[in-house]
Amino acid sequence: MHERNFWIGVVSRDHVGIGVAGGFTQLNHGKAGPLERMRAGDGFAFYSPRSAYPDGPPLQAFTAIGRVRDGIVYQAARAQDGPGEGFAPFRLGVDYLPARDAPIKPLIDELSFIRSKSHWGAAFRFGFLRVPEADFARIAVAMGRDFAADFPAASTLTGGKEPEEREPASAN
């Protein structure tokens, strides 16, 4: 049976807003690799170090939370004009839940994935990370969510069956 995982993507708040409005996540400048690790029903949250990319004011808060919808990675249409001309990022559907921002500083001591409490930002340096369920639950509660209701046992989501396997996204 698929074990549910919990993930954090690191994205500025302005880009989080685009993903939430569109019901998707896009990570690491549109790469497919991080998204291919996620499965339907996995928990996903965004951490936003800044309010705007690339150099907006510091925010340092969790800014969105939800569940991976179907686990199917897809490639967005290529931008035809503007600064992103020719860019066709990979995306993954996420069902976001209403939530409030949760500043990270009050949570640092409680989050086990942050090993160095004095250099806590290092935990986010790769833009994408898997975190323990207990840590994700703490983040969810700080965002005003009921973790047990939002992320019930995986067997209740799949009827006790393993979700279907899927093919990795292609670059075409």
N, C-alpha and C. Protein backbone atom coordinates (compact mmCIF):
# COMPACT_ATOMS: atom_id res chain seq x y z
N MET A 1 0.84 -1.19 0.00
CA MET A 1 0.00 0.00 0.00
C MET A 1 0.87 1.25 0.00
N HIS A 2 0.45 2.25 -0.71
CA HIS A 2 1.18 3.52 -0.78
C HIS A 2 1.14 4.20 0.58
N GLU A 3 2.30 4.51 1.08
CA GLU A 3 2.40 5.26 2.32
C GLU A 3 2.33 6.74 1.98
N ARG A 4 1.45 7.45 2.65
CA ARG A 4 1.33 8.88 2.37
C ARG A 4 2.61 9.58 2.81
N ASN A 5 3.05 10.50 1.97
CA ASN A 5 4.19 11.34 2.29
C ASN A 5 3.72 12.78 2.42
N PHE A 6 4.58 13.58 3.01
CA PHE A 6 4.27 14.99 3.25
C PHE A 6 5.44 15.81 2.73
N TRP A 7 5.11 16.83 1.95
CA TRP A 7 6.11 17.59 1.20
C TRP A 7 5.97 19.09 1.44
N ILE A 8 7.10 19.77 1.32
CA ILE A 8 7.11 21.24 1.36
C ILE A 8 7.84 21.73 0.12
N GLY A 9 7.20 22.66 -0.58
CA GLY A 9 7.83 23.35 -1.70
C GLY A 9 8.17 24.76 -1.28
N VAL A 10 9.28 25.27 -1.74
CA VAL A 10 9.75 26.60 -1.34
C VAL A 10 9.56 27.55 -2.52
N VAL A 11 8.63 28.49 -2.35
CA VAL A 11 8.23 29.39 -3.43
C VAL A 11 7.81 30.73 -2.82
N SER A 12 8.11 31.82 -3.50
CA SER A 12 7.67 33.13 -3.02
C SER A 12 6.14 33.20 -3.00
N ARG A 13 5.61 34.04 -2.11
CA ARG A 13 4.16 34.12 -1.94
C ARG A 13 3.44 34.52 -3.23
N ASP A 14 4.01 35.41 -4.03
CA ASP A 14 3.33 35.80 -5.26
C ASP A 14 3.16 34.60 -6.20
N HIS A 15 4.14 33.72 -6.27
CA HIS A 15 4.03 32.52 -7.09
C HIS A 15 3.10 31.49 -6.46
N VAL A 16 3.06 31.43 -5.13
CA VAL A 16 2.11 30.55 -4.44
C VAL A 16 0.68 30.93 -4.86
N GLY A 17 0.41 32.22 -4.90
CA GLY A 17 -0.93 32.68 -5.28
C GLY A 17 -1.35 32.19 -6.66
N ILE A 18 -0.41 32.16 -7.59
CA ILE A 18 -0.70 31.67 -8.95
C ILE A 18 -1.04 30.19 -8.91
N GLY A 19 -0.25 29.42 -8.15
CA GLY A 19 -0.49 27.98 -8.04
C GLY A 19 -1.80 27.67 -7.35
N VAL A 20 -2.11 28.36 -6.27
CA VAL A 20 -3.36 28.13 -5.55
C VAL A 20 -4.55 28.47 -6.46
N ALA A 21 -4.48 29.60 -7.15
CA ALA A 21 -5.58 30.00 -8.04
C ALA A 21 -5.77 28.98 -9.16
N GLY A 22 -4.69 28.39 -9.65
CA GLY A 22 -4.77 27.42 -10.73
C GLY A 22 -4.92 25.98 -10.28
N GLY A 23 -4.83 25.74 -8.96
CA GLY A 23 -4.96 24.38 -8.44
C GLY A 23 -3.79 23.48 -8.80
N PHE A 24 -2.57 24.03 -8.79
CA PHE A 24 -1.39 23.23 -9.13
C PHE A 24 -0.20 23.66 -8.30
N THR A 25 0.85 22.83 -8.32
CA THR A 25 2.15 23.24 -7.81
C THR A 25 3.15 23.11 -8.94
N GLN A 26 4.16 23.94 -8.86
CA GLN A 26 5.26 23.97 -9.83
C GLN A 26 6.50 24.26 -9.00
N LEU A 27 7.54 23.44 -9.12
CA LEU A 27 8.70 23.57 -8.24
C LEU A 27 10.01 23.62 -9.03
N ASN A 28 11.04 24.12 -8.39
CA ASN A 28 12.39 24.12 -8.94
C ASN A 28 12.42 24.59 -10.39
N HIS A 29 11.83 25.74 -10.63
CA HIS A 29 11.83 26.38 -11.95
C HIS A 29 11.20 25.48 -13.02
N GLY A 30 10.13 24.77 -12.63
CA GLY A 30 9.35 23.99 -13.58
C GLY A 30 9.86 22.60 -13.88
N LYS A 31 10.80 22.09 -13.09
CA LYS A 31 11.33 20.75 -13.32
C LYS A 31 10.31 19.67 -12.93
N ALA A 32 10.33 18.54 -13.64
CA ALA A 32 9.40 17.45 -13.37
C ALA A 32 9.84 16.59 -12.19
N GLY A 33 11.14 16.44 -11.98
CA GLY A 33 11.68 15.51 -10.98
C GLY A 33 11.03 15.56 -9.61
N PRO A 34 10.97 16.74 -8.96
CA PRO A 34 10.36 16.78 -7.62
C PRO A 34 8.89 16.35 -7.64
N LEU A 35 8.16 16.74 -8.68
CA LEU A 35 6.74 16.43 -8.77
C LEU A 35 6.50 14.93 -8.94
N GLU A 36 7.40 14.26 -9.64
CA GLU A 36 7.26 12.82 -9.90
C GLU A 36 7.37 11.98 -8.63
N ARG A 37 7.88 12.55 -7.57
CA ARG A 37 8.00 11.83 -6.29
C ARG A 37 6.68 11.83 -5.51
N MET A 38 5.79 12.76 -5.85
CA MET A 38 4.53 12.90 -5.11
C MET A 38 3.46 11.98 -5.68
N ARG A 39 2.55 11.54 -4.80
CA ARG A 39 1.46 10.64 -5.17
C ARG A 39 0.12 11.21 -4.71
N ALA A 40 -0.94 10.73 -5.32
CA ALA A 40 -2.29 11.16 -4.95
C ALA A 40 -2.49 10.99 -3.44
N GLY A 41 -3.05 12.02 -2.82
CA GLY A 41 -3.33 11.98 -1.39
C GLY A 41 -2.20 12.47 -0.50
N ASP A 42 -1.00 12.64 -1.06
CA ASP A 42 0.11 13.17 -0.26
C ASP A 42 -0.23 14.58 0.21
N GLY A 43 0.31 14.95 1.36
CA GLY A 43 0.16 16.31 1.86
C GLY A 43 1.21 17.21 1.24
N PHE A 44 0.81 18.45 0.95
CA PHE A 44 1.73 19.41 0.34
C PHE A 44 1.50 20.78 0.95
N ALA A 45 2.59 21.45 1.27
CA ALA A 45 2.50 22.83 1.78
C ALA A 45 3.58 23.66 1.09
N PHE A 46 3.30 24.95 0.99
CA PHE A 46 4.30 25.90 0.48
C PHE A 46 4.88 26.67 1.65
N TYR A 47 6.21 26.82 1.62
CA TYR A 47 6.91 27.73 2.51
C TYR A 47 7.39 28.87 1.63
N SER A 48 7.13 30.10 2.06
CA SER A 48 7.52 31.28 1.29
C SER A 48 8.55 32.10 2.07
N PRO A 49 9.81 32.07 1.63
CA PRO A 49 10.81 32.88 2.32
C PRO A 49 10.61 34.38 2.06
N ARG A 50 10.03 34.70 0.89
CA ARG A 50 9.80 36.10 0.51
C ARG A 50 8.39 36.29 -0.01
N SER A 51 7.94 37.53 0.01
CA SER A 51 6.60 37.82 -0.49
C SER A 51 6.56 37.85 -2.02
N ALA A 52 7.69 38.20 -2.66
CA ALA A 52 7.74 38.27 -4.12
C ALA A 52 9.10 37.79 -4.60
N TYR A 53 9.10 37.21 -5.79
CA TYR A 53 10.33 36.73 -6.42
C TYR A 53 10.88 37.83 -7.32
N PRO A 54 12.17 38.09 -7.34
CA PRO A 54 13.22 37.38 -6.63
C PRO A 54 13.67 38.03 -5.33
N ASP A 55 13.32 39.29 -5.13
CA ASP A 55 13.87 39.97 -3.95
C ASP A 55 12.84 40.80 -3.20
N GLY A 56 11.63 40.26 -3.05
CA GLY A 56 10.60 40.93 -2.26
C GLY A 56 10.95 40.91 -0.78
N PRO A 57 10.17 41.59 0.01
CA PRO A 57 10.43 41.60 1.45
C PRO A 57 10.36 40.19 2.05
N PRO A 58 11.17 39.92 3.07
CA PRO A 58 11.13 38.62 3.72
C PRO A 58 9.74 38.32 4.29
N LEU A 59 9.31 37.09 4.18
CA LEU A 59 8.01 36.66 4.73
C LEU A 59 8.21 35.53 5.73
N GLN A 60 8.96 34.49 5.37
CA GLN A 60 9.30 33.37 6.24
C GLN A 60 8.06 32.75 6.90
N ALA A 61 7.14 32.27 6.04
CA ALA A 61 5.89 31.68 6.54
C ALA A 61 5.43 30.56 5.61
N PHE A 62 4.67 29.64 6.17
CA PHE A 62 3.97 28.64 5.37
C PHE A 62 2.73 29.35 4.83
N THR A 63 2.51 29.27 3.52
CA THR A 63 1.50 30.12 2.90
C THR A 63 0.37 29.38 2.18
N ALA A 64 0.47 28.07 2.03
CA ALA A 64 -0.62 27.29 1.43
C ALA A 64 -0.44 25.83 1.83
N ILE A 65 -1.57 25.10 1.89
CA ILE A 65 -1.53 23.69 2.27
C ILE A 65 -2.66 22.97 1.54
N GLY A 66 -2.39 21.72 1.18
CA GLY A 66 -3.41 20.95 0.48
C GLY A 66 -2.99 19.51 0.28
N ARG A 67 -3.75 18.82 -0.58
CA ARG A 67 -3.51 17.41 -0.90
C ARG A 67 -3.24 17.27 -2.40
N VAL A 68 -2.27 16.43 -2.74
CA VAL A 68 -2.00 16.14 -4.15
C VAL A 68 -3.24 15.46 -4.71
N ARG A 69 -3.74 15.98 -5.83
CA ARG A 69 -5.01 15.53 -6.40
C ARG A 69 -4.92 14.12 -6.98
N ASP A 70 -4.24 13.95 -8.09
CA ASP A 70 -4.22 12.63 -8.75
C ASP A 70 -2.82 12.11 -9.00
N GLY A 71 -1.81 12.89 -8.70
CA GLY A 71 -0.43 12.46 -8.86
C GLY A 71 0.06 12.45 -10.30
N ILE A 72 -0.69 13.04 -11.22
CA ILE A 72 -0.30 13.05 -12.62
C ILE A 72 0.43 14.36 -12.95
N VAL A 73 1.69 14.22 -13.32
CA VAL A 73 2.50 15.38 -13.70
C VAL A 73 2.18 15.74 -15.15
N TYR A 74 1.98 17.01 -15.41
CA TYR A 74 1.70 17.45 -16.77
C TYR A 74 2.56 18.67 -17.10
N GLN A 75 2.69 18.94 -18.38
CA GLN A 75 3.48 20.09 -18.82
C GLN A 75 2.53 21.18 -19.30
N ALA A 76 2.71 22.38 -18.77
CA ALA A 76 1.89 23.52 -19.17
C ALA A 76 2.25 23.94 -20.59
N ALA A 77 1.33 24.63 -21.22
CA ALA A 77 1.57 25.15 -22.57
C ALA A 77 2.72 26.15 -22.54
N ARG A 78 3.48 26.17 -23.61
CA ARG A 78 4.60 27.11 -23.70
C ARG A 78 4.08 28.54 -23.76
N ALA A 79 4.72 29.42 -22.99
CA ALA A 79 4.38 30.83 -23.03
C ALA A 79 4.77 31.37 -24.40
N GLN A 80 3.89 32.16 -25.02
CA GLN A 80 4.13 32.66 -26.38
C GLN A 80 4.79 34.03 -26.42
N ASP A 81 4.68 34.78 -25.32
CA ASP A 81 5.30 36.09 -25.31
C ASP A 81 5.63 36.50 -23.89
N GLY A 82 6.29 37.60 -23.72
CA GLY A 82 6.63 38.11 -22.41
C GLY A 82 7.91 37.50 -21.87
N PRO A 83 8.19 37.74 -20.57
CA PRO A 83 9.46 37.29 -19.99
C PRO A 83 9.60 35.77 -19.94
N GLY A 84 8.50 35.03 -19.94
CA GLY A 84 8.57 33.58 -19.90
C GLY A 84 8.43 32.91 -21.25
N GLU A 85 8.66 33.66 -22.32
CA GLU A 85 8.46 33.13 -23.67
C GLU A 85 9.23 31.81 -23.86
N GLY A 86 8.51 30.79 -24.33
CA GLY A 86 9.11 29.49 -24.57
C GLY A 86 9.19 28.59 -23.35
N PHE A 87 8.81 29.09 -22.18
CA PHE A 87 8.87 28.33 -20.92
C PHE A 87 7.64 27.44 -20.82
N ALA A 88 7.84 26.15 -20.60
CA ALA A 88 6.75 25.19 -20.47
C ALA A 88 7.00 24.33 -19.23
N PRO A 89 6.63 24.83 -18.06
CA PRO A 89 6.93 24.14 -16.81
C PRO A 89 6.08 22.89 -16.59
N PHE A 90 6.62 21.97 -15.79
CA PHE A 90 5.85 20.81 -15.36
C PHE A 90 5.07 21.20 -14.11
N ARG A 91 3.86 20.65 -13.99
CA ARG A 91 2.97 20.97 -12.88
C ARG A 91 2.29 19.71 -12.36
N LEU A 92 1.70 19.84 -11.18
CA LEU A 92 0.99 18.74 -10.53
C LEU A 92 -0.23 19.32 -9.85
N GLY A 93 -1.40 18.71 -10.03
CA GLY A 93 -2.62 19.20 -9.42
C GLY A 93 -2.63 19.04 -7.90
N VAL A 94 -3.04 20.10 -7.22
CA VAL A 94 -3.16 20.10 -5.76
C VAL A 94 -4.50 20.71 -5.39
N ASP A 95 -5.22 20.06 -4.48
CA ASP A 95 -6.45 20.62 -3.94
C ASP A 95 -6.08 21.38 -2.67
N TYR A 96 -6.03 22.70 -2.79
CA TYR A 96 -5.63 23.53 -1.64
C TYR A 96 -6.80 23.72 -0.69
N LEU A 97 -6.47 23.85 0.58
CA LEU A 97 -7.45 24.04 1.64
C LEU A 97 -7.38 25.48 2.15
N PRO A 98 -8.51 26.05 2.54
CA PRO A 98 -8.45 27.40 3.13
C PRO A 98 -7.54 27.37 4.37
N ALA A 99 -6.63 28.31 4.45
CA ALA A 99 -5.68 28.32 5.57
C ALA A 99 -5.13 29.73 5.76
N ARG A 100 -4.60 29.96 6.94
CA ARG A 100 -3.93 31.23 7.21
C ARG A 100 -2.42 31.01 7.13
N ASP A 101 -1.69 32.07 6.87
CA ASP A 101 -0.24 31.99 6.89
C ASP A 101 0.22 31.61 8.29
N ALA A 102 1.31 30.84 8.35
CA ALA A 102 1.89 30.45 9.63
C ALA A 102 3.37 30.81 9.63
N PRO A 103 3.75 31.85 10.36
CA PRO A 103 5.17 32.20 10.44
C PRO A 103 5.98 31.01 10.95
N ILE A 104 7.15 30.82 10.40
CA ILE A 104 7.97 29.67 10.77
C ILE A 104 8.68 29.84 12.11
N LYS A 105 9.07 31.04 12.46
CA LYS A 105 9.92 31.21 13.65
C LYS A 105 9.34 30.60 14.93
N PRO A 106 8.03 30.71 15.20
CA PRO A 106 7.51 30.06 16.41
C PRO A 106 7.51 28.53 16.34
N LEU A 107 7.69 27.96 15.15
CA LEU A 107 7.64 26.51 14.97
C LEU A 107 9.01 25.85 14.93
N ILE A 108 10.07 26.61 14.73
CA ILE A 108 11.40 26.05 14.49
C ILE A 108 11.80 25.01 15.52
N ASP A 109 11.65 25.30 16.80
CA ASP A 109 12.08 24.35 17.83
C ASP A 109 11.31 23.04 17.81
N GLU A 110 10.07 23.06 17.29
CA GLU A 110 9.23 21.86 17.27
C GLU A 110 9.37 21.02 16.01
N LEU A 111 9.98 21.57 14.96
CA LEU A 111 10.07 20.86 13.68
C LEU A 111 11.35 20.02 13.61
N SER A 112 11.20 18.70 13.57
CA SER A 112 12.36 17.80 13.60
C SER A 112 13.18 17.85 12.32
N PHE A 113 12.57 18.22 11.18
CA PHE A 113 13.35 18.25 9.94
C PHE A 113 14.32 19.42 9.90
N ILE A 114 14.16 20.36 10.81
CA ILE A 114 15.12 21.47 10.93
C ILE A 114 16.15 21.06 11.97
N ARG A 115 17.28 20.57 11.48
CA ARG A 115 18.29 20.03 12.39
C ARG A 115 19.07 21.12 13.12
N SER A 116 19.46 22.16 12.39
CA SER A 116 20.19 23.26 13.00
C SER A 116 19.20 24.38 13.29
N LYS A 117 18.88 24.56 14.55
CA LYS A 117 17.90 25.57 14.93
C LYS A 117 18.45 26.98 14.74
N SER A 118 19.77 27.14 14.71
CA SER A 118 20.35 28.47 14.49
C SER A 118 20.54 28.77 12.99
N HIS A 119 20.59 27.74 12.16
CA HIS A 119 20.72 27.92 10.70
C HIS A 119 19.55 27.22 10.02
N TRP A 120 18.36 27.50 10.50
CA TRP A 120 17.16 26.78 10.08
C TRP A 120 16.84 26.93 8.60
N GLY A 121 17.25 28.01 7.96
CA GLY A 121 16.97 28.22 6.54
C GLY A 121 17.62 27.17 5.65
N ALA A 122 18.68 26.52 6.12
CA ALA A 122 19.37 25.51 5.32
C ALA A 122 18.44 24.34 4.96
N ALA A 123 17.45 24.07 5.79
CA ALA A 123 16.53 22.97 5.52
C ALA A 123 15.76 23.18 4.22
N PHE A 124 15.63 24.41 3.77
CA PHE A 124 14.83 24.74 2.59
C PHE A 124 15.67 25.02 1.34
N ARG A 125 16.97 24.86 1.42
CA ARG A 125 17.87 25.31 0.36
C ARG A 125 17.67 24.63 -0.99
N PHE A 126 17.11 23.41 -1.01
CA PHE A 126 16.94 22.72 -2.30
C PHE A 126 15.57 22.97 -2.93
N GLY A 127 14.71 23.72 -2.25
CA GLY A 127 13.44 24.12 -2.84
C GLY A 127 12.32 23.10 -2.73
N PHE A 128 12.62 21.93 -2.17
CA PHE A 128 11.63 20.87 -2.09
C PHE A 128 12.12 19.84 -1.09
N LEU A 129 11.25 19.44 -0.15
CA LEU A 129 11.68 18.44 0.82
C LEU A 129 10.50 17.64 1.35
N ARG A 130 10.81 16.40 1.72
CA ARG A 130 9.83 15.54 2.38
C ARG A 130 10.03 15.72 3.87
N VAL A 131 8.92 15.80 4.61
CA VAL A 131 8.99 16.02 6.05
C VAL A 131 8.18 14.94 6.77
N PRO A 132 8.51 14.68 8.03
CA PRO A 132 7.75 13.70 8.81
C PRO A 132 6.29 14.14 9.00
N GLU A 133 5.42 13.17 9.12
CA GLU A 133 4.00 13.45 9.32
C GLU A 133 3.76 14.34 10.53
N ALA A 134 4.46 14.09 11.63
CA ALA A 134 4.26 14.89 12.85
C ALA A 134 4.60 16.36 12.60
N ASP A 135 5.65 16.62 11.84
CA ASP A 135 6.01 18.01 11.52
C ASP A 135 4.95 18.65 10.64
N PHE A 136 4.49 17.90 9.63
CA PHE A 136 3.47 18.44 8.73
C PHE A 136 2.19 18.73 9.53
N ALA A 137 1.86 17.87 10.47
CA ALA A 137 0.67 18.09 11.32
C ALA A 137 0.81 19.38 12.12
N ARG A 138 2.00 19.64 12.66
CA ARG A 138 2.23 20.89 13.41
C ARG A 138 2.03 22.11 12.51
N ILE A 139 2.54 22.01 11.28
CA ILE A 139 2.39 23.11 10.32
C ILE A 139 0.91 23.31 10.00
N ALA A 140 0.19 22.21 9.74
CA ALA A 140 -1.24 22.28 9.41
C ALA A 140 -2.02 22.96 10.53
N VAL A 141 -1.76 22.58 11.76
CA VAL A 141 -2.47 23.17 12.90
C VAL A 141 -2.14 24.66 13.01
N ALA A 142 -0.87 25.02 12.80
CA ALA A 142 -0.48 26.44 12.85
C ALA A 142 -1.18 27.24 11.75
N MET A 143 -1.56 26.56 10.66
CA MET A 143 -2.26 27.23 9.56
C MET A 143 -3.77 27.20 9.76
N GLY A 144 -4.22 26.69 10.92
CA GLY A 144 -5.64 26.69 11.25
C GLY A 144 -6.40 25.49 10.72
N ARG A 145 -5.70 24.42 10.35
CA ARG A 145 -6.35 23.23 9.80
C ARG A 145 -6.47 22.12 10.85
N ASP A 146 -7.41 21.21 10.62
CA ASP A 146 -7.58 20.01 11.45
C ASP A 146 -6.87 18.89 10.70
N PHE A 147 -5.67 18.56 11.10
CA PHE A 147 -4.84 17.60 10.37
C PHE A 147 -5.54 16.25 10.20
N ALA A 148 -6.12 15.71 11.25
CA ALA A 148 -6.75 14.39 11.18
C ALA A 148 -7.91 14.38 10.19
N ALA A 149 -8.67 15.45 10.12
CA ALA A 149 -9.80 15.53 9.19
C ALA A 149 -9.33 15.77 7.76
N ASP A 150 -8.29 16.59 7.59
CA ASP A 150 -7.80 16.94 6.26
C ASP A 150 -6.97 15.83 5.62
N PHE A 151 -6.32 15.02 6.46
CA PHE A 151 -5.43 13.97 5.96
C PHE A 151 -5.75 12.65 6.66
N PRO A 152 -6.95 12.10 6.37
CA PRO A 152 -7.34 10.84 7.01
C PRO A 152 -6.41 9.71 6.57
N ALA A 153 -6.47 8.59 7.28
CA ALA A 153 -5.62 7.44 6.96
C ALA A 153 -5.73 7.12 5.47
N ALA A 154 -4.61 6.76 4.86
CA ALA A 154 -4.56 6.51 3.41
C ALA A 154 -5.56 5.45 2.98
N SER A 155 -5.82 4.46 3.80
CA SER A 155 -6.73 3.38 3.40
C SER A 155 -8.16 3.89 3.21
N THR A 156 -8.53 4.98 3.89
CA THR A 156 -9.88 5.50 3.70
C THR A 156 -9.99 6.27 2.39
N LEU A 157 -8.86 6.77 1.87
CA LEU A 157 -8.87 7.49 0.60
C LEU A 157 -8.93 6.55 -0.59
N THR A 158 -8.30 5.38 -0.47
CA THR A 158 -8.18 4.47 -1.61
C THR A 158 -9.06 3.25 -1.48
N GLY A 159 -9.86 3.17 -0.43
CA GLY A 159 -10.68 1.98 -0.22
C GLY A 159 -9.83 0.76 0.09
N GLY A 160 -8.62 0.98 0.62
CA GLY A 160 -7.73 -0.11 0.97
C GLY A 160 -6.91 -0.61 -0.22
N LYS A 161 -7.10 -0.02 -1.41
CA LYS A 161 -6.37 -0.45 -2.60
C LYS A 161 -5.19 0.48 -2.86
N GLU A 162 -4.17 -0.08 -3.45
CA GLU A 162 -3.01 0.71 -3.86
C GLU A 162 -3.40 1.61 -5.03
N PRO A 163 -3.08 2.92 -4.99
CA PRO A 163 -3.35 3.77 -6.14
C PRO A 163 -2.60 3.24 -7.37
N GLU A 164 -3.15 3.50 -8.55
CA GLU A 164 -2.52 3.03 -9.78
C GLU A 164 -1.18 3.72 -9.98
N GLU A 165 -0.25 2.94 -10.54
CA GLU A 165 1.07 3.51 -10.88
C GLU A 165 0.89 4.40 -12.10
N ARG A 166 1.82 5.30 -12.32
CA ARG A 166 1.74 6.21 -13.45
C ARG A 166 3.08 6.32 -14.13
N GLU A 167 3.05 6.73 -15.35
CA GLU A 167 4.28 6.94 -16.11
C GLU A 167 4.87 8.28 -15.73
N PRO A 168 6.21 8.39 -15.69
CA PRO A 168 6.83 9.70 -15.44
C PRO A 168 6.49 10.67 -16.56
N ALA A 169 6.50 11.94 -16.25
CA ALA A 169 6.24 12.97 -17.26
C ALA A 169 7.36 12.97 -18.28
N SER A 170 7.03 13.29 -19.51
CA SER A 170 8.06 13.39 -20.53
C SER A 170 8.36 14.85 -20.79
N ALA A 171 9.50 15.09 -21.38
CA ALA A 171 9.91 16.47 -21.65
C ALA A 171 9.35 16.97 -22.99
N ASN A 172 8.58 16.16 -23.68
CA ASN A 172 8.04 16.57 -24.98
C ASN A 172 6.80 17.39 -24.86
